[in-house]
């Protein structure tokens, strides 16, 4: 008798992670524009290289093209998006409607976040909403997918096929540390995690080792955030201004000593990809490049060749 075929996975990213292949995601910020070409121009260099491309949602508490619209334009260009969706700007009605809209246009990967505080942006008088926190938004998406209903019990027509992501912040864990926040997000429905920058493979080993000890790595796919650094100065800026960023002094020293710092930053990033791909419990890497987007395709291509 023929064996039944496995269920179809709507997300290629989910399929890659489930098959235990090291995944690489990247990230773009939609432009302050209403022209679709301005979005696709940023993302096209990543097509065929990144397994999926995040589209940020008001990153830095600044306005730009709707993340959902930008993600849809990526889909049209043959690029699988990860839609970032924040609690900062929407109440629960808008969040639920936005998730339905994303599902309607074929977006499956969603990274559900709290969002940067408006005081950090260029319109600091903006009123934040935060009707839900990220854990409750994750739970909302899971209920909509699994029960095909809103949290209030109203039925949904259609099948929202979400692959649900959350954010986390690696640390060098002290002896009594437990990943309570991440465990709560997993219990709510998170299936994959993309982390803040952690450019120290030793800390990643210890962090993921503790996740393993807590039973977390069997429940969620962990993608570690890294960057192709531009200069020692930019590395110091990231450590100072991007909360939770880990860049060891030895890497800053390499950047300072390099005759070509940007090239050295790309080399470091490829080396980190190689190291991360060998660490048990690390399912992939998420490459973010503030002000250095052009480096990302080169880094991914160099890693894939090796």
Protein backbone atom coordinates (compact mmCIF):
# COMPACT_ATOMS: atom_id res chain seq x y z
CA UNK A 1 0.00 0.00 0.00
CA UNK A 2 1.30 3.46 -0.88
CA UNK A 3 2.34 5.58 2.08
CA UNK A 4 0.40 8.84 2.48
CA UNK A 5 2.35 11.86 1.31
CA UNK A 6 3.54 14.24 4.01
CA UNK A 7 1.53 17.43 4.47
CA UNK A 8 2.51 20.29 2.18
CA UNK A 9 4.41 23.09 3.89
CA UNK A 10 3.32 26.53 2.79
CA UNK A 11 6.64 28.10 3.82
CA UNK A 12 9.87 27.16 2.08
CA UNK A 13 11.74 28.48 5.12
CA UNK A 14 9.82 26.08 7.35
CA UNK A 15 10.53 23.23 4.94
CA UNK A 16 14.27 23.95 5.01
CA UNK A 17 14.38 24.16 8.79
CA UNK A 18 12.38 20.96 9.22
CA UNK A 19 14.80 19.16 6.90
CA UNK A 20 17.68 20.23 9.23
CA UNK A 21 19.39 22.31 6.55
CA UNK A 22 21.22 25.39 7.80
CA UNK A 23 19.01 28.35 6.89
CA UNK A 24 20.07 31.91 6.16
CA UNK A 25 17.64 34.80 6.37
CA UNK A 26 18.40 38.43 5.60
CA UNK A 27 16.56 41.70 6.12
CA UNK A 28 15.46 44.84 4.30
CA UNK A 29 13.80 48.00 5.53
CA UNK A 30 11.01 49.21 3.24
CA UNK A 31 11.70 52.65 1.78
CA UNK A 32 9.95 55.91 2.53
CA UNK A 33 8.24 55.53 -0.82
CA UNK A 34 5.02 54.38 -2.48
CA UNK A 35 6.80 52.91 -5.53
CA UNK A 36 6.96 49.10 -5.61
CA UNK A 37 10.23 49.13 -7.57
CA UNK A 38 11.96 50.86 -4.68
CA UNK A 39 11.24 47.78 -2.54
CA UNK A 40 12.12 45.10 -5.04
CA UNK A 41 15.36 46.87 -5.97
CA UNK A 42 16.54 46.45 -2.38
CA UNK A 43 15.58 42.78 -2.21
CA UNK A 44 16.47 41.40 -5.65
CA UNK A 45 20.21 40.94 -4.88
CA UNK A 46 19.10 38.43 -2.21
CA UNK A 47 16.92 36.33 -4.51
CA UNK A 48 18.26 32.80 -4.78
CA UNK A 49 20.73 33.38 -1.93
CA UNK A 50 18.73 34.02 1.25
CA UNK A 51 16.16 31.40 2.18
CA UNK A 52 13.80 34.20 3.22
CA UNK A 53 14.01 37.97 3.60
CA UNK A 54 12.61 39.86 6.58
CA UNK A 55 10.64 43.02 5.92
CA UNK A 56 10.85 45.33 8.93
CA UNK A 57 7.80 47.04 10.42
CA UNK A 58 8.55 50.59 11.46
CA UNK A 59 12.11 49.75 12.47
CA UNK A 60 13.66 52.41 14.68
CA UNK A 61 10.14 53.79 15.25
CA UNK A 62 10.14 55.47 11.83
CA UNK A 63 7.46 55.47 9.15
CA UNK A 64 8.01 53.74 5.84
CA UNK A 65 6.00 51.76 3.31
CA UNK A 66 3.65 49.24 4.89
CA UNK A 67 5.56 46.09 5.73
CA UNK A 68 2.69 43.92 4.44
CA UNK A 69 2.67 45.71 1.08
CA UNK A 70 6.46 45.43 0.85
CA UNK A 71 6.33 41.72 1.67
CA UNK A 72 3.72 41.22 -1.05
CA UNK A 73 5.99 42.92 -3.59
CA UNK A 74 8.78 40.52 -2.57
CA UNK A 75 6.44 37.59 -3.18
CA UNK A 76 5.68 38.92 -6.64
CA UNK A 77 9.43 39.11 -7.30
CA UNK A 78 9.95 35.45 -6.34
CA UNK A 79 11.42 36.15 -2.89
CA UNK A 80 9.96 34.51 0.20
CA UNK A 81 9.31 37.17 2.85
CA UNK A 82 9.26 37.10 6.62
CA UNK A 83 6.74 39.74 7.62
CA UNK A 84 7.67 41.56 10.79
CA UNK A 85 4.55 42.68 12.63
CA UNK A 86 4.63 44.85 15.76
CA UNK A 87 2.31 45.53 18.66
CA UNK A 88 3.42 49.15 18.97
CA UNK A 89 1.16 50.60 16.28
CA UNK A 90 -2.04 48.54 16.42
CA UNK A 91 -4.74 47.42 18.81
CA UNK A 92 -5.89 43.80 18.76
CA UNK A 93 -8.52 44.45 16.09
CA UNK A 94 -5.93 45.91 13.73
CA UNK A 95 -3.46 43.13 14.54
CA UNK A 96 -6.02 40.42 13.78
CA UNK A 97 -7.10 42.18 10.58
CA UNK A 98 -3.48 42.61 9.53
CA UNK A 99 -2.73 38.92 10.04
CA UNK A 100 -5.76 38.00 7.96
CA UNK A 101 -4.60 40.37 5.24
CA UNK A 102 -1.14 38.85 5.23
CA UNK A 103 -2.59 35.35 4.90
CA UNK A 104 -4.89 36.51 2.11
CA UNK A 105 -1.99 37.67 -0.07
CA UNK A 106 0.04 34.50 0.55
CA UNK A 107 2.42 35.56 3.32
CA UNK A 108 3.19 32.66 5.65
CA UNK A 109 6.28 33.60 7.68
CA UNK A 110 5.51 36.13 10.40
CA UNK A 111 7.92 37.48 13.03
CA UNK A 112 5.79 38.91 15.83
CA UNK A 113 7.38 41.66 17.89
CA UNK A 114 6.66 44.33 20.44
CA UNK A 115 8.24 47.10 18.37
CA UNK A 116 10.67 49.93 19.11
CA UNK A 117 9.45 52.64 21.47
CA UNK A 118 8.38 55.79 19.56
CA UNK A 119 10.66 57.92 21.73
CA UNK A 120 13.58 56.38 19.82
CA UNK A 121 12.27 57.53 16.45
CA UNK A 122 12.00 60.72 14.45
CA UNK A 123 8.44 61.50 15.64
CA UNK A 124 8.87 61.03 19.41
CA UNK A 125 5.42 62.42 20.25
CA UNK A 126 3.81 59.40 18.58
CA UNK A 127 1.38 57.55 20.83
CA UNK A 128 2.23 53.86 21.22
CA UNK A 129 -0.60 51.32 21.42
CA UNK A 130 0.74 48.06 22.88
CA UNK A 131 -2.76 46.64 23.36
CA UNK A 132 -1.09 43.21 23.23
CA UNK A 133 2.46 42.18 23.97
CA UNK A 134 4.46 39.95 21.62
CA UNK A 135 3.60 36.75 23.50
CA UNK A 136 -0.14 37.42 23.23
CA UNK A 137 0.22 38.34 19.56
CA UNK A 138 2.01 35.03 18.97
CA UNK A 139 -0.83 33.26 20.73
CA UNK A 140 -3.36 35.15 18.59
CA UNK A 141 -1.67 34.01 15.37
CA UNK A 142 -1.54 30.41 16.60
CA UNK A 143 -5.25 30.40 17.49
CA UNK A 144 -6.14 31.89 14.11
CA UNK A 145 -4.09 29.22 12.33
CA UNK A 146 -4.94 26.15 14.40
CA UNK A 147 -8.57 26.82 15.29
CA UNK A 148 -9.44 28.96 12.27
CA UNK A 149 -11.05 31.48 14.56
CA UNK A 150 -10.31 34.74 16.31
CA UNK A 151 -9.46 34.67 20.01
CA UNK A 152 -13.09 35.66 20.72
CA UNK A 153 -14.29 32.46 19.00
CA UNK A 154 -15.53 33.95 15.73
CA UNK A 155 -14.84 31.61 12.81
CA UNK A 156 -12.38 32.53 10.04
CA UNK A 157 -13.04 31.61 6.41
CA UNK A 158 -9.97 30.09 4.82
CA UNK A 159 -6.76 28.69 6.27
CA UNK A 160 -4.13 31.13 7.55
CA UNK A 161 -0.96 29.04 7.18
CA UNK A 162 1.37 30.92 9.49
CA UNK A 163 4.92 29.91 10.34
CA UNK A 164 5.29 31.88 13.54
CA UNK A 165 8.50 33.53 14.67
CA UNK A 166 9.67 35.40 17.75
CA UNK A 167 12.72 37.40 18.78
CA UNK A 168 15.22 36.61 21.50
CA UNK A 169 18.44 38.06 22.89
CA UNK A 170 21.44 35.74 23.39
CA UNK A 171 23.43 36.14 26.60
CA UNK A 172 26.38 34.44 28.20
CA UNK A 173 24.17 32.59 30.69
CA UNK A 174 24.97 32.68 34.41
CA UNK A 175 24.60 29.42 36.35
CA UNK A 176 21.03 30.05 37.52
CA UNK A 177 19.71 31.37 34.19
CA UNK A 178 16.64 29.89 32.49
CA UNK A 179 15.10 31.03 29.20
CA UNK A 180 11.76 31.87 30.80
CA UNK A 181 10.78 34.53 28.27
CA UNK A 182 11.56 32.35 25.28
CA UNK A 183 9.78 29.38 26.84
CA UNK A 184 6.66 31.53 27.26
CA UNK A 185 6.78 32.52 23.59
CA UNK A 186 7.19 28.88 22.54
CA UNK A 187 4.23 27.89 24.73
CA UNK A 188 2.24 30.64 23.00
CA UNK A 189 3.07 29.22 19.57
CA UNK A 190 6.49 30.41 18.37
CA UNK A 191 8.12 27.97 15.95
CA UNK A 192 11.31 29.82 15.03
CA UNK A 193 13.44 32.49 16.68
CA UNK A 194 15.64 35.19 15.19
CA UNK A 195 18.02 36.77 17.68
CA UNK A 196 19.75 40.08 18.28
CA UNK A 197 23.34 40.37 17.04
CA UNK A 198 25.68 37.86 18.67
CA UNK A 199 29.08 37.85 16.98
CA UNK A 200 30.73 35.60 19.58
CA UNK A 201 30.54 31.90 18.69
CA UNK A 202 31.58 30.90 22.21
CA UNK A 203 28.66 32.74 23.75
CA UNK A 204 26.36 31.21 21.13
CA UNK A 205 27.54 27.73 22.13
CA UNK A 206 26.88 28.40 25.80
CA UNK A 207 23.54 30.13 25.15
CA UNK A 208 22.23 27.40 22.84
CA UNK A 209 23.63 24.74 25.17
CA UNK A 210 21.48 26.11 27.96
CA UNK A 211 18.48 26.23 25.63
CA UNK A 212 19.15 22.56 24.91
CA UNK A 213 19.35 21.77 28.62
CA UNK A 214 15.97 23.46 29.08
CA UNK A 215 14.49 21.38 26.23
CA UNK A 216 13.96 24.45 24.08
CA UNK A 217 15.93 23.53 20.96
CA UNK A 218 13.64 20.58 20.29
CA UNK A 219 10.65 22.95 20.18
CA UNK A 220 11.93 25.91 18.16
CA UNK A 221 14.42 26.69 15.39
CA UNK A 222 17.06 29.20 16.51
CA UNK A 223 18.60 31.58 13.95
CA UNK A 224 21.44 33.70 15.34
CA UNK A 225 21.70 37.36 14.34
CA UNK A 226 25.02 38.44 12.81
CA UNK A 227 26.31 41.31 10.66
CA UNK A 228 28.98 42.11 8.06
CA UNK A 229 30.66 44.91 9.99
CA UNK A 230 31.72 48.04 8.11
CA UNK A 231 34.32 49.41 10.50
CA UNK A 232 35.49 49.34 14.09
CA UNK A 233 33.54 52.57 14.60
CA UNK A 234 30.28 51.06 13.38
CA UNK A 235 30.85 47.99 15.60
CA UNK A 236 31.22 50.24 18.64
CA UNK A 237 28.10 52.18 17.61
CA UNK A 238 26.10 48.94 17.39
CA UNK A 239 27.26 47.84 20.84
CA UNK A 240 26.32 51.21 22.31
CA UNK A 241 22.99 51.86 20.57
CA UNK A 242 21.48 48.45 19.69
CA UNK A 243 20.48 46.94 23.00
CA UNK A 244 21.78 43.42 23.60
CA UNK A 245 24.30 43.46 20.74
CA UNK A 246 27.35 41.25 21.40
CA UNK A 247 30.52 42.04 19.41
CA UNK A 248 33.72 40.90 21.16
CA UNK A 249 36.70 43.23 21.48
CA UNK A 250 38.86 40.86 19.42
CA UNK A 251 36.63 41.43 16.37
CA UNK A 252 36.73 45.18 16.87
CA UNK A 253 40.52 44.88 17.03
CA UNK A 254 40.57 42.94 13.75
CA UNK A 255 38.54 45.69 12.12
CA UNK A 256 40.89 48.38 13.46
CA UNK A 257 43.98 46.56 12.16
CA UNK A 258 42.54 45.73 8.73
CA UNK A 259 43.81 47.56 5.64
CA UNK A 260 40.31 47.17 4.15
CA UNK A 261 37.82 47.12 7.06
CA UNK A 262 34.72 46.41 4.95
CA UNK A 263 36.39 43.39 3.35
CA UNK A 264 37.52 42.20 6.78
CA UNK A 265 33.97 42.59 8.08
CA UNK A 266 32.67 40.35 5.30
CA UNK A 267 35.38 37.77 6.01
CA UNK A 268 34.45 37.75 9.70
CA UNK A 269 30.79 37.26 8.83
CA UNK A 270 31.55 34.27 6.57
CA UNK A 271 33.72 32.75 9.30
CA UNK A 272 30.88 33.15 11.77
CA UNK A 273 28.43 31.48 9.38
CA UNK A 274 30.83 28.54 9.13
CA UNK A 275 31.13 28.30 12.91
CA UNK A 276 27.40 28.65 13.53
CA UNK A 277 26.59 25.94 10.99
CA UNK A 278 28.58 23.49 13.13
CA UNK A 279 26.99 24.32 16.51
CA UNK A 280 24.32 21.82 17.61
CA UNK A 281 21.01 23.56 18.22
CA UNK A 282 21.70 26.44 15.82
CA UNK A 283 19.30 26.08 12.92
CA UNK A 284 20.53 29.04 10.92
CA UNK A 285 21.65 32.66 10.86
CA UNK A 286 19.83 35.94 10.39
CA UNK A 287 22.02 38.52 8.67
CA UNK A 288 21.28 42.18 9.36
CA UNK A 289 23.46 44.92 7.92
CA UNK A 290 22.67 48.44 9.14
CA UNK A 291 23.91 50.78 6.43
CA UNK A 292 25.73 47.95 4.65
CA UNK A 293 23.07 46.08 2.68
CA UNK A 294 25.32 45.53 -0.34
CA UNK A 295 27.59 43.24 1.69
CA UNK A 296 24.92 40.66 2.49
CA UNK A 297 24.65 38.93 -0.92
CA UNK A 298 28.46 38.67 -1.10
CA UNK A 299 28.62 37.09 2.35
CA UNK A 300 25.90 34.54 1.64
CA UNK A 301 27.40 33.67 -1.74
CA UNK A 302 30.85 33.15 -0.23
CA UNK A 303 29.44 30.90 2.48
CA UNK A 304 27.36 28.86 0.04
CA UNK A 305 30.42 28.26 -2.16
CA UNK A 306 32.42 26.96 0.78
